[in-house]
Amino acid sequence: MPYAEFVAELERAGFSVRGFAGLIGMNPNSITNYAGRGGVPQNVALVAVLVAEMAAKGLDYRSAIAKVAPTRKPRGATRPGQFGGDRQASLDLVS
């Protein structure tokens, strides 16, 4: 789906890009990066269209999405003695 149509669907549902990203557990920057690519992946576009349709018909889309409980998890989480989440041997650094 072209990014402009995606944004129109979000507006129809009453969402900003930031609000939609929060709803589905994505980073808002990840969504706005799709503008540079010209299109939105099918799975993200599908959620936007379904949410817009449900909102237009007065249906509660939030309870349906809550069943999946999307959450953002930080990427590259590290443990002490490791850098950037790369799998490597323990460095046994003394603090």
C-alpha atoms as a PDB file:
ATOM      1  CA  MET A   1       0.000   0.000   0.000  1.00  0.00           C
ATOM      2  CA  PRO A   2       1.406   3.428  -0.852  1.00  0.00           C
ATOM      3  CA  TYR A   3       2.406   5.446   2.212  1.00  0.00           C
ATOM      4  CA  ALA A   4      -0.049   8.274   1.394  1.00  0.00           C
ATOM      5  CA  GLU A   5      -2.978   5.817   1.375  1.00  0.00           C
ATOM      6  CA  PHE A   6      -1.724   4.319   4.633  1.00  0.00           C
ATOM      7  CA  VAL A   7      -1.711   7.731   6.315  1.00  0.00           C
ATOM      8  CA  ALA A   8      -5.222   8.392   4.967  1.00  0.00           C
ATOM      9  CA  GLU A   9      -6.418   5.138   6.588  1.00  0.00           C
ATOM     10  CA  LEU A  10      -4.827   6.184   9.873  1.00  0.00           C
ATOM     11  CA  GLU A  11      -6.577   9.548   9.700  1.00  0.00           C
ATOM     12  CA  ARG A  12      -9.871   7.803   8.971  1.00  0.00           C
ATOM     13  CA  ALA A  13      -9.373   5.804  12.160  1.00  0.00           C
ATOM     14  CA  GLY A  14      -8.419   8.945  14.080  1.00  0.00           C
ATOM     15  CA  PHE A  15      -4.770   8.019  14.550  1.00  0.00           C
ATOM     16  CA  SER A  16      -1.486   9.780  14.098  1.00  0.00           C
ATOM     17  CA  VAL A  17       1.500   7.700  13.045  1.00  0.00           C
ATOM     18  CA  ARG A  18       2.777   7.880  16.638  1.00  0.00           C
ATOM     19  CA  GLY A  19      -0.573   6.763  18.055  1.00  0.00           C
ATOM     20  CA  PHE A  20      -0.867   3.870  15.619  1.00  0.00           C
ATOM     21  CA  ALA A  21       2.710   2.779  16.348  1.00  0.00           C
ATOM     22  CA  GLY A  22       1.923   2.704  20.057  1.00  0.00           C
ATOM     23  CA  LEU A  23      -1.232   0.690  19.411  1.00  0.00           C
ATOM     24  CA  ILE A  24       0.571  -2.056  17.516  1.00  0.00           C
ATOM     25  CA  GLY A  25       3.809  -1.981  19.505  1.00  0.00           C
ATOM     26  CA  MET A  26       6.099  -0.498  16.868  1.00  0.00           C
ATOM     27  CA  ASN A  27       8.589   2.332  17.011  1.00  0.00           C
ATOM     28  CA  PRO A  28       7.062   5.415  15.332  1.00  0.00           C
ATOM     29  CA  ASN A  29      10.324   6.000  13.453  1.00  0.00           C
ATOM     30  CA  SER A  30      10.042   2.545  11.899  1.00  0.00           C
ATOM     31  CA  ILE A  31       6.675   3.478  10.461  1.00  0.00           C
ATOM     32  CA  THR A  32       7.745   6.883   9.176  1.00  0.00           C
ATOM     33  CA  ASN A  33      10.744   5.245   7.502  1.00  0.00           C
ATOM     34  CA  TYR A  34       8.273   3.527   5.174  1.00  0.00           C
ATOM     35  CA  ALA A  35       7.571   6.939   3.615  1.00  0.00           C
ATOM     36  CA  GLY A  36      11.057   6.906   2.108  1.00  0.00           C
ATOM     37  CA  ARG A  37      10.430   3.492   0.644  1.00  0.00           C
ATOM     38  CA  GLY A  38       7.146   4.687  -0.819  1.00  0.00           C
ATOM     39  CA  GLY A  39       5.044   1.883   0.585  1.00  0.00           C
ATOM     40  CA  VAL A  40       4.019   0.119   3.747  1.00  0.00           C
ATOM     41  CA  PRO A  41       4.420  -3.640   4.284  1.00  0.00           C
ATOM     42  CA  GLN A  42       1.253  -5.606   3.773  1.00  0.00           C
ATOM     43  CA  ASN A  43       0.921  -6.690   7.405  1.00  0.00           C
ATOM     44  CA  VAL A  44       1.101  -3.118   8.733  1.00  0.00           C
ATOM     45  CA  ALA A  45      -1.262  -1.849   6.020  1.00  0.00           C
ATOM     46  CA  LEU A  46      -3.725  -4.616   6.789  1.00  0.00           C
ATOM     47  CA  VAL A  47      -3.867  -3.687  10.469  1.00  0.00           C
ATOM     48  CA  ALA A  48      -4.388  -0.014   9.575  1.00  0.00           C
ATOM     49  CA  VAL A  49      -7.235  -0.804   7.182  1.00  0.00           C
ATOM     50  CA  LEU A  50      -8.932  -3.157   9.635  1.00  0.00           C
ATOM     51  CA  VAL A  51      -8.666  -0.656  12.485  1.00  0.00           C
ATOM     52  CA  ALA A  52     -10.082   2.098  10.254  1.00  0.00           C
ATOM     53  CA  GLU A  53     -12.991  -0.106   9.176  1.00  0.00           C
ATOM     54  CA  MET A  54     -13.746  -1.161  12.750  1.00  0.00           C
ATOM     55  CA  ALA A  55     -13.611   2.470  13.939  1.00  0.00           C
ATOM     56  CA  ALA A  56     -15.931   3.566  11.105  1.00  0.00           C
ATOM     57  CA  LYS A  57     -18.465   0.931  12.152  1.00  0.00           C
ATOM     58  CA  GLY A  58     -18.187   1.825  15.852  1.00  0.00           C
ATOM     59  CA  LEU A  59     -16.545  -1.482  16.803  1.00  0.00           C
ATOM     60  CA  ASP A  60     -14.037  -1.778  19.634  1.00  0.00           C
ATOM     61  CA  TYR A  61     -10.740  -2.546  17.922  1.00  0.00           C
ATOM     62  CA  ARG A  62      -8.716  -1.925  21.098  1.00  0.00           C
ATOM     63  CA  SER A  63     -10.041  -5.026  22.866  1.00  0.00           C
ATOM     64  CA  ALA A  64      -9.275  -7.142  19.790  1.00  0.00           C
ATOM     65  CA  ILE A  65      -5.705  -5.843  19.617  1.00  0.00           C
ATOM     66  CA  ALA A  66      -5.288  -6.252  23.382  1.00  0.00           C
ATOM     67  CA  LYS A  67      -5.791 -10.013  22.948  1.00  0.00           C
ATOM     68  CA  VAL A  68      -2.452 -10.098  21.132  1.00  0.00           C
ATOM     69  CA  ALA A  69      -0.847  -7.660  23.616  1.00  0.00           C
ATOM     70  CA  PRO A  70       1.757  -6.188  21.253  1.00  0.00           C
ATOM     71  CA  THR A  71       4.790  -4.824  23.044  1.00  0.00           C
ATOM     72  CA  ARG A  72       7.998  -3.225  21.915  1.00  0.00           C
ATOM     73  CA  LYS A  73      11.121  -5.001  23.022  1.00  0.00           C
ATOM     74  CA  PRO A  74      14.450  -3.216  22.840  1.00  0.00           C
ATOM     75  CA  ARG A  75      16.832  -4.668  20.305  1.00  0.00           C
ATOM     76  CA  GLY A  76      20.450  -5.325  21.108  1.00  0.00           C
ATOM     77  CA  ALA A  77      19.996  -5.772  24.838  1.00  0.00           C
ATOM     78  CA  THR A  78      23.289  -6.625  26.452  1.00  0.00           C
ATOM     79  CA  ARG A  79      24.613  -8.330  29.524  1.00  0.00           C
ATOM     80  CA  PRO A  80      27.586  -7.070  31.492  1.00  0.00           C
ATOM     81  CA  GLY A  81      30.793  -7.835  29.602  1.00  0.00           C
ATOM     82  CA  GLN A  82      29.115  -7.994  26.183  1.00  0.00           C
ATOM     83  CA  PHE A  83      28.735  -5.330  23.538  1.00  0.00           C
ATOM     84  CA  GLY A  84      25.683  -4.694  21.384  1.00  0.00           C
ATOM     85  CA  GLY A  85      24.017  -8.009  22.119  1.00  0.00           C
ATOM     86  CA  ASP A  86      26.508  -9.936  19.974  1.00  0.00           C
ATOM     87  CA  ARG A  87      27.085 -13.519  20.977  1.00  0.00           C
ATOM     88  CA  GLN A  88      30.603 -13.604  22.275  1.00  0.00           C
ATOM     89  CA  ALA A  89      32.570 -15.151  25.073  1.00  0.00           C
ATOM     90  CA  SER A  90      32.331 -13.524  28.468  1.00  0.00           C
ATOM     91  CA  LEU A  91      35.003 -10.871  28.899  1.00  0.00           C
ATOM     92  CA  ASP A  92      35.023 -11.121  32.710  1.00  0.00           C
ATOM     93  CA  LEU A  93      35.541  -7.404  33.139  1.00  0.00           C
ATOM     94  CA  VAL A  94      36.113  -6.149  36.660  1.00  0.00           C
ATOM     95  CA  SER A  95      34.090  -3.080  37.627  1.00  0.00           C
END
